[in-house]
C-alpha atoms as a PDB file:
ATOM      1  CA  MET A   1       0.346  -2.834  16.931  1.00  0.00           C
ATOM      2  CA  ILE A   2       2.678  -4.187  14.252  1.00  0.00           C
ATOM      3  CA  PRO A   3       6.216  -2.792  14.773  1.00  0.00           C
ATOM      4  CA  ALA A   4       7.666  -0.615  12.015  1.00  0.00           C
ATOM      5  CA  VAL A   5      10.242  -2.343   9.788  1.00  0.00           C
ATOM      6  CA  ALA A   6      12.900  -0.449   7.858  1.00  0.00           C
ATOM      7  CA  THR A   7      12.205   0.131   4.245  1.00  0.00           C
ATOM      8  CA  THR A   8      14.812  -1.370   1.961  1.00  0.00           C
ATOM      9  CA  ILE A   9      15.403  -1.068  -1.800  1.00  0.00           C
ATOM     10  CA  THR A  10      17.169  -3.828  -3.559  1.00  0.00           C
ATOM     11  CA  ALA A  11      18.319  -3.705  -7.208  1.00  0.00           C
ATOM     12  CA  CYS A  12      17.896  -7.155  -8.667  1.00  0.00           C
ATOM     13  CA  PRO A  13      20.521  -8.078 -11.313  1.00  0.00           C
ATOM     14  CA  ASN A  14      18.957  -7.701 -14.784  1.00  0.00           C
ATOM     15  CA  GLY A  15      15.602  -6.867 -13.119  1.00  0.00           C
ATOM     16  CA  PRO A  16      13.440  -4.610 -11.161  1.00  0.00           C
ATOM     17  CA  LEU A  17      13.999  -2.632  -7.865  1.00  0.00           C
ATOM     18  CA  LEU A  18      12.435  -4.493  -5.026  1.00  0.00           C
ATOM     19  CA  VAL A  19      11.086  -2.080  -2.325  1.00  0.00           C
ATOM     20  CA  ARG A  20      10.357  -4.004   0.955  1.00  0.00           C
ATOM     21  CA  GLY A  21       8.371  -2.262   3.754  1.00  0.00           C
ATOM     22  CA  GLN A  22       6.149   0.708   4.040  1.00  0.00           C
ATOM     23  CA  VAL A  23       6.552   3.262   1.286  1.00  0.00           C
ATOM     24  CA  GLU A  24       4.471   6.067  -0.330  1.00  0.00           C
ATOM     25  CA  LEU A  25       4.611   5.868  -4.022  1.00  0.00           C
ATOM     26  CA  LEU A  26       3.232   8.777  -6.081  1.00  0.00           C
ATOM     27  CA  ASP A  27       2.258   9.150  -9.724  1.00  0.00           C
ATOM     28  CA  ALA A  28       3.354  11.997 -11.903  1.00  0.00           C
ATOM     29  CA  ASP A  29       0.449  14.103 -10.555  1.00  0.00           C
ATOM     30  CA  GLY A  30       1.304  13.537  -7.016  1.00  0.00           C
ATOM     31  CA  VAL A  31      -1.572  11.063  -6.464  1.00  0.00           C
ATOM     32  CA  VAL A  32      -0.692   8.103  -4.071  1.00  0.00           C
ATOM     33  CA  ILE A  33      -0.379   4.680  -5.745  1.00  0.00           C
ATOM     34  CA  PRO A  34      -1.852   2.274  -3.336  1.00  0.00           C
ATOM     35  CA  GLN A  35       0.694  -0.386  -1.917  1.00  0.00           C
ATOM     36  CA  ARG A  36      -1.169  -3.667  -2.077  1.00  0.00           C
ATOM     37  CA  ARG A  37       1.832  -5.907  -1.168  1.00  0.00           C
ATOM     38  CA  ARG A  38       4.673  -5.691   1.466  1.00  0.00           C
ATOM     39  CA  THR A  39       7.077  -5.931  -1.429  1.00  0.00           C
ATOM     40  CA  VAL A  40       6.808  -3.848  -4.599  1.00  0.00           C
ATOM     41  CA  ALA A  41       8.783  -4.518  -7.774  1.00  0.00           C
ATOM     42  CA  LEU A  42       9.405  -1.303  -9.705  1.00  0.00           C
ATOM     43  CA  CYS A  43      10.376  -1.317 -13.292  1.00  0.00           C
ATOM     44  CA  ARG A  44      13.706  -0.081 -14.343  1.00  0.00           C
ATOM     45  CA  CYS A  45      14.029  -1.388 -17.894  1.00  0.00           C
ATOM     46  CA  GLY A  46      11.286   0.996 -19.243  1.00  0.00           C
ATOM     47  CA  PHE A  47       9.381  -1.770 -21.000  1.00  0.00           C
ATOM     48  CA  SER A  48       6.679  -2.694 -18.453  1.00  0.00           C
ATOM     49  CA  ALA A  49       3.066  -2.184 -19.443  1.00  0.00           C
ATOM     50  CA  ILE A  50       2.086  -1.509 -15.843  1.00  0.00           C
ATOM     51  CA  LYS A  51       4.702   1.070 -14.881  1.00  0.00           C
ATOM     52  CA  PRO A  52       5.846   2.003 -12.357  1.00  0.00           C
ATOM     53  CA  HIS A  53       5.497  -1.671 -11.456  1.00  0.00           C
ATOM     54  CA  CYS A  54       7.438  -4.455 -13.076  1.00  0.00           C
ATOM     55  CA  ASP A  55       5.602  -6.942 -15.307  1.00  0.00           C
ATOM     56  CA  GLY A  56       8.566  -9.021 -16.250  1.00  0.00           C
ATOM     57  CA  SER A  57       9.152  -7.530 -19.604  1.00  0.00           C
ATOM     58  CA  HIS A  58      12.833  -7.003 -18.821  1.00  0.00           C
ATOM     59  CA  LYS A  59      13.334 -10.587 -19.612  1.00  0.00           C
ATOM     60  CA  ALA A  60      12.104 -10.608 -23.162  1.00  0.00           C
ATOM     61  CA  ALA A  61      13.695  -7.284 -23.741  1.00  0.00           C
ATOM     62  CA  GLY A  62      17.036  -8.503 -22.732  1.00  0.00           C
ATOM     63  CA  PHE A  63      17.502  -5.828 -20.155  1.00  0.00           C
ATOM     64  CA  ARG A  64      20.978  -6.077 -18.449  1.00  0.00           C
ATOM     65  CA  THR A  65      22.622  -4.243 -15.641  1.00  0.00           C
ATOM     66  CA  GLU A  66      26.310  -3.742 -14.841  1.00  0.00           C
ATOM     67  CA  PRO A  67      27.757  -5.491 -11.914  1.00  0.00           C
ATOM     68  CA  GLY A  68      27.034  -3.501  -8.736  1.00  0.00           C
ATOM     69  CA  GLU A  69      24.217  -1.446 -10.553  1.00  0.00           C
END
């Protein structure tokens, strides 16, 4: 049996939220979005074409965060 690892969420400067570990992600209708990787990048710029996941659009959009955000 694989031991459980704590789930962490890291806000990348000027980028997505990285969710590491087991998580249950639901869409607006409450349907589970399958977790296909151990680390999931979630969009926070609003420009991703594959929301809620990040597709790197924050770079072209010039998305910037404040320090500590």
